[in-house]
Amino acid sequence: MNKKVNIVKNRKQRLLRLKFNIRYGVQLAVLGLFYLCGASIATMIGVYAGYRALRLITQLLRLVLATVYTVISILILLLIIYLIII
């Protein structure tokens, strides 16, 4: 039984390392593509900063929408409970 647990742990560790390596491989490929196109360092930093800002704005929008959805759900439940009591 213990041997099977170790095999599963080893596979998970390998997959995490593979995911890490793939992510950095893709980033290096994008940097290489910018280099081939003749982009400057400032352009690459600007594109990266824009990408990070877009991700941040998207996450913020998701949080706001989830909060609005939760508040509306709570109000509907309170209304239903109020109508049941009356």
PDB file of N, CA and C in Angstrom:
ATOM      1  N   MET A   1       0.824  -1.195   0.000  1.00  0.00           N
ATOM      2  CA  MET A   1       0.000   0.000   0.000  1.00  0.00           C
ATOM      3  C   MET A   1       0.866   1.256   0.000  1.00  0.00           C
ATOM      4  N   ASN A   2       1.911   1.256   0.803  1.00  0.00           N
ATOM      5  CA  ASN A   2       2.788   2.411   0.913  1.00  0.00           C
ATOM      6  C   ASN A   2       3.506   2.677  -0.409  1.00  0.00           C
ATOM      7  N   LYS A   3       3.825   1.613  -1.134  1.00  0.00           N
ATOM      8  CA  LYS A   3       4.517   1.769  -2.408  1.00  0.00           C
ATOM      9  C   LYS A   3       3.631   2.501  -3.416  1.00  0.00           C
ATOM     10  N   LYS A   4       2.324   2.189  -3.409  1.00  0.00           N
ATOM     11  CA  LYS A   4       1.406   2.859  -4.326  1.00  0.00           C
ATOM     12  C   LYS A   4       1.293   4.343  -3.990  1.00  0.00           C
ATOM     13  N   VAL A   5       1.273   4.669  -2.716  1.00  0.00           N
ATOM     14  CA  VAL A   5       1.195   6.076  -2.308  1.00  0.00           C
ATOM     15  C   VAL A   5       2.427   6.832  -2.791  1.00  0.00           C
ATOM     16  N   ASN A   6       3.598   6.219  -2.664  1.00  0.00           N
ATOM     17  CA  ASN A   6       4.833   6.867  -3.121  1.00  0.00           C
ATOM     18  C   ASN A   6       4.819   7.067  -4.622  1.00  0.00           C
ATOM     19  N   ILE A   7       4.278   6.104  -5.368  1.00  0.00           N
ATOM     20  CA  ILE A   7       4.219   6.243  -6.827  1.00  0.00           C
ATOM     21  C   ILE A   7       3.331   7.424  -7.206  1.00  0.00           C
ATOM     22  N   VAL A   8       2.187   7.548  -6.536  1.00  0.00           N
ATOM     23  CA  VAL A   8       1.271   8.663  -6.823  1.00  0.00           C
ATOM     24  C   VAL A   8       1.936   9.995  -6.473  1.00  0.00           C
ATOM     25  N   LYS A   9       2.637  10.067  -5.333  1.00  0.00           N
ATOM     26  CA  LYS A   9       3.319  11.306  -4.946  1.00  0.00           C
ATOM     27  C   LYS A   9       4.388  11.669  -5.975  1.00  0.00           C
ATOM     28  N   ASN A  10       5.143  10.671  -6.431  1.00  0.00           N
ATOM     29  CA  ASN A  10       6.185  10.934  -7.421  1.00  0.00           C
ATOM     30  C   ASN A  10       5.587  11.463  -8.716  1.00  0.00           C
ATOM     31  N   ARG A  11       4.451  10.906  -9.131  1.00  0.00           N
ATOM     32  CA  ARG A  11       3.811  11.377 -10.363  1.00  0.00           C
ATOM     33  C   ARG A  11       3.337  12.815 -10.203  1.00  0.00           C
ATOM     34  N   LYS A  12       2.760  13.130  -9.051  1.00  0.00           N
ATOM     35  CA  LYS A  12       2.287  14.501  -8.822  1.00  0.00           C
ATOM     36  C   LYS A  12       3.452  15.481  -8.838  1.00  0.00           C
ATOM     37  N   GLN A  13       4.568  15.093  -8.223  1.00  0.00           N
ATOM     38  CA  GLN A  13       5.731  15.979  -8.209  1.00  0.00           C
ATOM     39  C   GLN A  13       6.269  16.187  -9.615  1.00  0.00           C
ATOM     40  N   ARG A  14       6.293  15.134 -10.420  1.00  0.00           N
ATOM     41  CA  ARG A  14       6.767  15.268 -11.796  1.00  0.00           C
ATOM     42  C   ARG A  14       5.847  16.173 -12.608  1.00  0.00           C
ATOM     43  N   LEU A  15       4.548  16.036 -12.404  1.00  0.00           N
ATOM     44  CA  LEU A  15       3.605  16.871 -13.140  1.00  0.00           C
ATOM     45  C   LEU A  15       3.755  18.336 -12.752  1.00  0.00           C
ATOM     46  N   LEU A  16       3.989  18.625 -11.467  1.00  0.00           N
ATOM     47  CA  LEU A  16       4.189  20.008 -11.049  1.00  0.00           C
ATOM     48  C   LEU A  16       5.440  20.597 -11.685  1.00  0.00           C
ATOM     49  N   ARG A  17       6.512  19.811 -11.713  1.00  0.00           N
ATOM     50  CA  ARG A  17       7.737  20.302 -12.352  1.00  0.00           C
ATOM     51  C   ARG A  17       7.525  20.512 -13.841  1.00  0.00           C
ATOM     52  N   LEU A  18       6.779  19.616 -14.477  1.00  0.00           N
ATOM     53  CA  LEU A  18       6.519  19.734 -15.909  1.00  0.00           C
ATOM     54  C   LEU A  18       5.701  20.993 -16.195  1.00  0.00           C
ATOM     55  N   LYS A  19       4.697  21.263 -15.354  1.00  0.00           N
ATOM     56  CA  LYS A  19       3.885  22.468 -15.523  1.00  0.00           C
ATOM     57  C   LYS A  19       4.754  23.710 -15.376  1.00  0.00           C
ATOM     58  N   PHE A  20       5.645  23.701 -14.399  1.00  0.00           N
ATOM     59  CA  PHE A  20       6.564  24.814 -14.163  1.00  0.00           C
ATOM     60  C   PHE A  20       7.457  25.022 -15.383  1.00  0.00           C
ATOM     61  N   ASN A  21       8.011  23.939 -15.908  1.00  0.00           N
ATOM     62  CA  ASN A  21       8.902  24.038 -17.058  1.00  0.00           C
ATOM     63  C   ASN A  21       8.161  24.488 -18.309  1.00  0.00           C
ATOM     64  N   ILE A  22       6.940  24.013 -18.509  1.00  0.00           N
ATOM     65  CA  ILE A  22       6.171  24.410 -19.685  1.00  0.00           C
ATOM     66  C   ILE A  22       5.868  25.902 -19.627  1.00  0.00           C
ATOM     67  N   ARG A  23       5.499  26.395 -18.443  1.00  0.00           N
ATOM     68  CA  ARG A  23       5.173  27.815 -18.307  1.00  0.00           C
ATOM     69  C   ARG A  23       6.370  28.685 -18.679  1.00  0.00           C
ATOM     70  N   TYR A  24       7.541  28.347 -18.156  1.00  0.00           N
ATOM     71  CA  TYR A  24       8.721  29.149 -18.472  1.00  0.00           C
ATOM     72  C   TYR A  24       9.185  28.937 -19.907  1.00  0.00           C
ATOM     73  N   GLY A  25       8.947  27.774 -20.447  1.00  0.00           N
ATOM     74  CA  GLY A  25       9.266  27.538 -21.849  1.00  0.00           C
ATOM     75  C   GLY A  25       8.428  28.416 -22.766  1.00  0.00           C
ATOM     76  N   VAL A  26       7.155  28.541 -22.455  1.00  0.00           N
ATOM     77  CA  VAL A  26       6.275  29.398 -23.251  1.00  0.00           C
ATOM     78  C   VAL A  26       6.696  30.854 -23.116  1.00  0.00           C
ATOM     79  N   GLN A  27       7.054  31.278 -21.905  1.00  0.00           N
ATOM     80  CA  GLN A  27       7.503  32.658 -21.725  1.00  0.00           C
ATOM     81  C   GLN A  27       8.776  32.928 -22.525  1.00  0.00           C
ATOM     82  N   LEU A  28       9.688  31.984 -22.522  1.00  0.00           N
ATOM     83  CA  LEU A  28      10.912  32.170 -23.310  1.00  0.00           C
ATOM     84  C   LEU A  28      10.611  32.196 -24.804  1.00  0.00           C
ATOM     85  N   ALA A  29       9.656  31.379 -25.233  1.00  0.00           N
ATOM     86  CA  ALA A  29       9.279  31.375 -26.654  1.00  0.00           C
ATOM     87  C   ALA A  29       8.678  32.726 -27.059  1.00  0.00           C
ATOM     88  N   VAL A  30       7.861  33.306 -26.189  1.00  0.00           N
ATOM     89  CA  VAL A  30       7.273  34.616 -26.487  1.00  0.00           C
ATOM     90  C   VAL A  30       8.363  35.683 -26.531  1.00  0.00           C
ATOM     91  N   LEU A  31       9.299  35.623 -25.585  1.00  0.00           N
ATOM     92  CA  LEU A  31      10.411  36.587 -25.615  1.00  0.00           C
ATOM     93  C   LEU A  31      11.232  36.431 -26.897  1.00  0.00           C
ATOM     94  N   GLY A  32      11.456  35.203 -27.301  1.00  0.00           N
ATOM     95  CA  GLY A  32      12.184  34.959 -28.547  1.00  0.00           C
ATOM     96  C   GLY A  32      11.439  35.498 -29.750  1.00  0.00           C
ATOM     97  N   LEU A  33      10.132  35.364 -29.745  1.00  0.00           N
ATOM     98  CA  LEU A  33       9.315  35.886 -30.842  1.00  0.00           C
ATOM     99  C   LEU A  33       9.411  37.406 -30.905  1.00  0.00           C
ATOM    100  N   PHE A  34       9.344  38.060 -29.738  1.00  0.00           N
ATOM    101  CA  PHE A  34       9.507  39.508 -29.714  1.00  0.00           C
ATOM    102  C   PHE A  34      10.894  39.910 -30.234  1.00  0.00           C
ATOM    103  N   TYR A  35      11.901  39.143 -29.848  1.00  0.00           N
ATOM    104  CA  TYR A  35      13.265  39.443 -30.288  1.00  0.00           C
ATOM    105  C   TYR A  35      13.380  39.323 -31.805  1.00  0.00           C
ATOM    106  N   LEU A  36      12.765  38.278 -32.362  1.00  0.00           N
ATOM    107  CA  LEU A  36      12.813  38.098 -33.812  1.00  0.00           C
ATOM    108  C   LEU A  36      12.087  39.216 -34.552  1.00  0.00           C
ATOM    109  N   CYS A  37      11.043  39.734 -33.950  1.00  0.00           N
ATOM    110  CA  CYS A  37      10.288  40.825 -34.582  1.00  0.00           C
ATOM    111  C   CYS A  37      10.997  42.172 -34.434  1.00  0.00           C
ATOM    112  N   GLY A  38      12.043  42.213 -33.641  1.00  0.00           N
ATOM    113  CA  GLY A  38      12.794  43.453 -33.471  1.00  0.00           C
ATOM    114  C   GLY A  38      12.236  44.358 -32.387  1.00  0.00           C
ATOM    115  N   ALA A  39      11.503  43.790 -31.463  1.00  0.00           N
ATOM    116  CA  ALA A  39      10.937  44.602 -30.381  1.00  0.00           C
ATOM    117  C   ALA A  39      12.026  44.963 -29.376  1.00  0.00           C
ATOM    118  N   SER A  40      11.861  46.121 -28.766  1.00  0.00           N
ATOM    119  CA  SER A  40      12.843  46.556 -27.773  1.00  0.00           C
ATOM    120  C   SER A  40      12.486  45.982 -26.405  1.00  0.00           C
ATOM    121  N   ILE A  41      13.398  46.156 -25.466  1.00  0.00           N
ATOM    122  CA  ILE A  41      13.170  45.687 -24.098  1.00  0.00           C
ATOM    123  C   ILE A  41      11.977  46.427 -23.492  1.00  0.00           C
ATOM    124  N   ALA A  42      11.881  47.733 -23.774  1.00  0.00           N
ATOM    125  CA  ALA A  42      10.772  48.520 -23.240  1.00  0.00           C
ATOM    126  C   ALA A  42       9.431  47.996 -23.754  1.00  0.00           C
ATOM    127  N   THR A  43       9.388  47.591 -25.009  1.00  0.00           N
ATOM    128  CA  THR A  43       8.158  47.040 -25.571  1.00  0.00           C
ATOM    129  C   THR A  43       7.794  45.740 -24.882  1.00  0.00           C
ATOM    130  N   MET A  44       8.776  44.892 -24.658  1.00  0.00           N
ATOM    131  CA  MET A  44       8.510  43.609 -23.998  1.00  0.00           C
ATOM    132  C   MET A  44       8.006  43.836 -22.571  1.00  0.00           C
ATOM    133  N   ILE A  45       8.624  44.782 -21.860  1.00  0.00           N
ATOM    134  CA  ILE A  45       8.180  45.078 -20.493  1.00  0.00           C
ATOM    135  C   ILE A  45       6.769  45.654 -20.512  1.00  0.00           C
ATOM    136  N   GLY A  46       6.479  46.502 -21.497  1.00  0.00           N
ATOM    137  CA  GLY A  46       5.144  47.080 -21.619  1.00  0.00           C
ATOM    138  C   GLY A  46       4.085  46.027 -21.903  1.00  0.00           C
ATOM    139  N   VAL A  47       4.395  45.090 -22.779  1.00  0.00           N
ATOM    140  CA  VAL A  47       3.449  44.013 -23.094  1.00  0.00           C
ATOM    141  C   VAL A  47       3.224  43.151 -21.857  1.00  0.00           C
ATOM    142  N   TYR A  48       4.284  42.833 -21.145  1.00  0.00           N
ATOM    143  CA  TYR A  48       4.147  42.013 -19.940  1.00  0.00           C
ATOM    144  C   TYR A  48       3.337  42.743 -18.871  1.00  0.00           C
ATOM    145  N   ALA A  49       3.625  44.039 -18.674  1.00  0.00           N
ATOM    146  CA  ALA A  49       2.879  44.814 -17.681  1.00  0.00           C
ATOM    147  C   ALA A  49       1.409  44.927 -18.077  1.00  0.00           C
ATOM    148  N   GLY A  50       1.144  45.102 -19.357  1.00  0.00           N
ATOM    149  CA  GLY A  50      -0.234  45.156 -19.826  1.00  0.00           C
ATOM    150  C   GLY A  50      -0.963  43.844 -19.606  1.00  0.00           C
ATOM    151  N   TYR A  51      -0.270  42.750 -19.851  1.00  0.00           N
ATOM    152  CA  TYR A  51      -0.858  41.431 -19.630  1.00  0.00           C
ATOM    153  C   TYR A  51      -1.196  41.234 -18.157  1.00  0.00           C
ATOM    154  N   ARG A  52      -0.273  41.610 -17.272  1.00  0.00           N
ATOM    155  CA  ARG A  52      -0.518  41.464 -15.826  1.00  0.00           C
ATOM    156  C   ARG A  52      -1.663  42.378 -15.377  1.00  0.00           C
ATOM    157  N   ALA A  53      -1.716  43.590 -15.911  1.00  0.00           N
ATOM    158  CA  ALA A  53      -2.793  44.509 -15.547  1.00  0.00           C
ATOM    159  C   ALA A  53      -4.141  43.980 -16.023  1.00  0.00           C
ATOM    160  N   LEU A  54      -4.169  43.407 -17.214  1.00  0.00           N
ATOM    161  CA  LEU A  54      -5.408  42.835 -17.731  1.00  0.00           C
ATOM    162  C   LEU A  54      -5.881  41.667 -16.873  1.00  0.00           C
ATOM    163  N   ARG A  55      -4.947  40.834 -16.441  1.00  0.00           N
ATOM    164  CA  ARG A  55      -5.310  39.724 -15.545  1.00  0.00           C
ATOM    165  C   ARG A  55      -5.853  40.238 -14.228  1.00  0.00           C
ATOM    166  N   LEU A  56      -5.234  41.286 -13.686  1.00  0.00           N
ATOM    167  CA  LEU A  56      -5.685  41.866 -12.423  1.00  0.00           C
ATOM    168  C   LEU A  56      -7.085  42.459 -12.552  1.00  0.00           C
ATOM    169  N   ILE A  57      -7.332  43.168 -13.639  1.00  0.00           N
ATOM    170  CA  ILE A  57      -8.650  43.759 -13.870  1.00  0.00           C
ATOM    171  C   ILE A  57      -9.701  42.663 -14.039  1.00  0.00           C
ATOM    172  N   THR A  58      -9.351  41.593 -14.740  1.00  0.00           N
ATOM    173  CA  THR A  58     -10.287  40.485 -14.922  1.00  0.00           C
ATOM    174  C   THR A  58     -10.620  39.830 -13.589  1.00  0.00           C
ATOM    175  N   GLN A  59      -9.636  39.618 -12.748  1.00  0.00           N
ATOM    176  CA  GLN A  59      -9.885  39.025 -11.433  1.00  0.00           C
ATOM    177  C   GLN A  59     -10.748  39.945 -10.576  1.00  0.00           C
ATOM    178  N   LEU A  60     -10.489  41.238 -10.630  1.00  0.00           N
ATOM    179  CA  LEU A  60     -11.282  42.199  -9.872  1.00  0.00           C
ATOM    180  C   LEU A  60     -12.734  42.197 -10.348  1.00  0.00           C
ATOM    181  N   LEU A  61     -12.930  42.148 -11.650  1.00  0.00           N
ATOM    182  CA  LEU A  61     -14.281  42.105 -12.206  1.00  0.00           C
ATOM    183  C   LEU A  61     -15.014  40.844 -11.765  1.00  0.00           C
ATOM    184  N   ARG A  62     -14.294  39.709 -11.757  1.00  0.00           N
ATOM    185  CA  ARG A  62     -14.904  38.456 -11.288  1.00  0.00           C
ATOM    186  C   ARG A  62     -15.332  38.559  -9.838  1.00  0.00           C
ATOM    187  N   LEU A  63     -14.495  39.167  -9.001  1.00  0.00           N
ATOM    188  CA  LEU A  63     -14.840  39.324  -7.592  1.00  0.00           C
ATOM    189  C   LEU A  63     -16.058  40.220  -7.401  1.00  0.00           C
ATOM    190  N   VAL A  64     -16.113  41.307  -8.154  1.00  0.00           N
ATOM    191  CA  VAL A  64     -17.251  42.221  -8.045  1.00  0.00           C
ATOM    192  C   VAL A  64     -18.534  41.521  -8.486  1.00  0.00           C
ATOM    193  N   LEU A  65     -18.477  40.808  -9.601  1.00  0.00           N
ATOM    194  CA  LEU A  65     -19.666  40.103 -10.083  1.00  0.00           C
ATOM    195  C   LEU A  65     -20.105  39.016  -9.109  1.00  0.00           C
ATOM    196  N   ALA A  66     -19.167  38.312  -8.507  1.00  0.00           N
ATOM    197  CA  ALA A  66     -19.517  37.287  -7.524  1.00  0.00           C
ATOM    198  C   ALA A  66     -20.171  37.914  -6.305  1.00  0.00           C
ATOM    199  N   THR A  67     -19.674  39.068  -5.885  1.00  0.00           N
ATOM    200  CA  THR A  67     -20.268  39.765  -4.736  1.00  0.00           C
ATOM    201  C   THR A  67     -21.685  40.221  -5.060  1.00  0.00           C
ATOM    202  N   VAL A  68     -21.881  40.788  -6.227  1.00  0.00           N
ATOM    203  CA  VAL A  68     -23.220  41.240  -6.632  1.00  0.00           C
ATOM    204  C   VAL A  68     -24.178  40.055  -6.699  1.00  0.00           C
ATOM    205  N   TYR A  69     -23.721  38.958  -7.275  1.00  0.00           N
ATOM    206  CA  TYR A  69     -24.554  37.757  -7.377  1.00  0.00           C
ATOM    207  C   TYR A  69     -24.923  37.239  -5.983  1.00  0.00           C
ATOM    208  N   THR A  70     -23.981  37.249  -5.059  1.00  0.00           N
ATOM    209  CA  THR A  70     -24.243  36.784  -3.695  1.00  0.00           C
ATOM    210  C   THR A  70     -25.254  37.690  -2.996  1.00  0.00           C
ATOM    211  N   VAL A  71     -25.095  38.995  -3.127  1.00  0.00           N
ATOM    212  CA  VAL A  71     -26.026  39.931  -2.493  1.00  0.00           C
ATOM    213  C   VAL A  71     -27.435  39.760  -3.062  1.00  0.00           C
ATOM    214  N   ILE A  72     -27.553  39.623  -4.375  1.00  0.00           N
ATOM    215  CA  ILE A  72     -28.862  39.422  -4.992  1.00  0.00           C
ATOM    216  C   ILE A  72     -29.478  38.113  -4.520  1.00  0.00           C
ATOM    217  N   SER A  73     -28.683  37.065  -4.415  1.00  0.00           N
ATOM    218  CA  SER A  73     -29.199  35.778  -3.930  1.00  0.00           C
ATOM    219  C   SER A  73     -29.697  35.890  -2.494  1.00  0.00           C
ATOM    220  N   ILE A  74     -28.958  36.586  -1.658  1.00  0.00           N
ATOM    221  CA  ILE A  74     -29.373  36.757  -0.262  1.00  0.00           C
ATOM    222  C   ILE A  74     -30.673  37.548  -0.193  1.00  0.00           C
ATOM    223  N   LEU A  75     -30.787  38.607  -0.994  1.00  0.00           N
ATOM    224  CA  LEU A  75     -32.016  39.394  -1.000  1.00  0.00           C
ATOM    225  C   LEU A  75     -33.220  38.575  -1.457  1.00  0.00           C
ATOM    226  N   ILE A  76     -33.033  37.746  -2.465  1.00  0.00           N
ATOM    227  CA  ILE A  76     -34.122  36.885  -2.945  1.00  0.00           C
ATOM    228  C   ILE A  76     -34.521  35.892  -1.864  1.00  0.00           C
ATOM    229  N   LEU A  77     -33.539  35.296  -1.188  1.00  0.00           N
ATOM    230  CA  LEU A  77     -33.865  34.362  -0.106  1.00  0.00           C
ATOM    231  C   LEU A  77     -34.601  35.052   1.037  1.00  0.00           C
ATOM    232  N   LEU A  78     -34.166  36.256   1.395  1.00  0.00           N
ATOM    233  CA  LEU A  78     -34.859  37.004   2.439  1.00  0.00           C
ATOM    234  C   LEU A  78     -36.295  37.341   2.028  1.00  0.00           C
ATOM    235  N   LEU A  79     -36.481  37.687   0.771  1.00  0.00           N
ATOM    236  CA  LEU A  79     -37.823  37.974   0.267  1.00  0.00           C
ATOM    237  C   LEU A  79     -38.712  36.737   0.334  1.00  0.00           C
ATOM    238  N   ILE A  80     -38.170  35.600  -0.053  1.00  0.00           N
ATOM    239  CA  ILE A  80     -38.933  34.353   0.009  1.00  0.00           C
ATOM    240  C   ILE A  80     -39.299  34.020   1.450  1.00  0.00           C
ATOM    241  N   ILE A  81     -38.347  34.153   2.360  1.00  0.00           N
ATOM    242  CA  ILE A  81     -38.620  33.876   3.764  1.00  0.00           C
ATOM    243  C   ILE A  81     -39.673  34.850   4.302  1.00  0.00           C
ATOM    244  N   TYR A  82     -39.562  36.115   3.924  1.00  0.00           N
ATOM    245  CA  TYR A  82     -40.534  37.120   4.359  1.00  0.00           C
ATOM    246  C   TYR A  82     -41.931  36.764   3.867  1.00  0.00           C
ATOM    247  N   LEU A  83     -42.028  36.347   2.602  1.00  0.00           N
ATOM    248  CA  LEU A  83     -43.337  35.986   2.040  1.00  0.00           C
ATOM    249  C   LEU A  83     -43.905  34.727   2.669  1.00  0.00           C
ATOM    250  N   ILE A  84     -43.050  33.804   3.080  1.00  0.00           N
ATOM    251  CA  ILE A  84     -43.520  32.589   3.753  1.00  0.00           C
ATOM    252  C   ILE A  84     -44.045  32.926   5.144  1.00  0.00           C
ATOM    253  N   ILE A  85     -43.385  33.833   5.831  1.00  0.00           N
ATOM    254  CA  ILE A  85     -43.801  34.208   7.179  1.00  0.00           C
ATOM    255  C   ILE A  85     -45.144  34.940   7.145  1.00  0.00           C
ATOM    256  N   ILE A  86     -45.342  35.812   6.165  1.00  0.00           N
ATOM    257  CA  ILE A  86     -46.601  36.569   6.070  1.00  0.00           C
ATOM    258  C   ILE A  86     -47.659  35.596   5.656  1.00  0.00           C
TER     259      ILE A  86
END
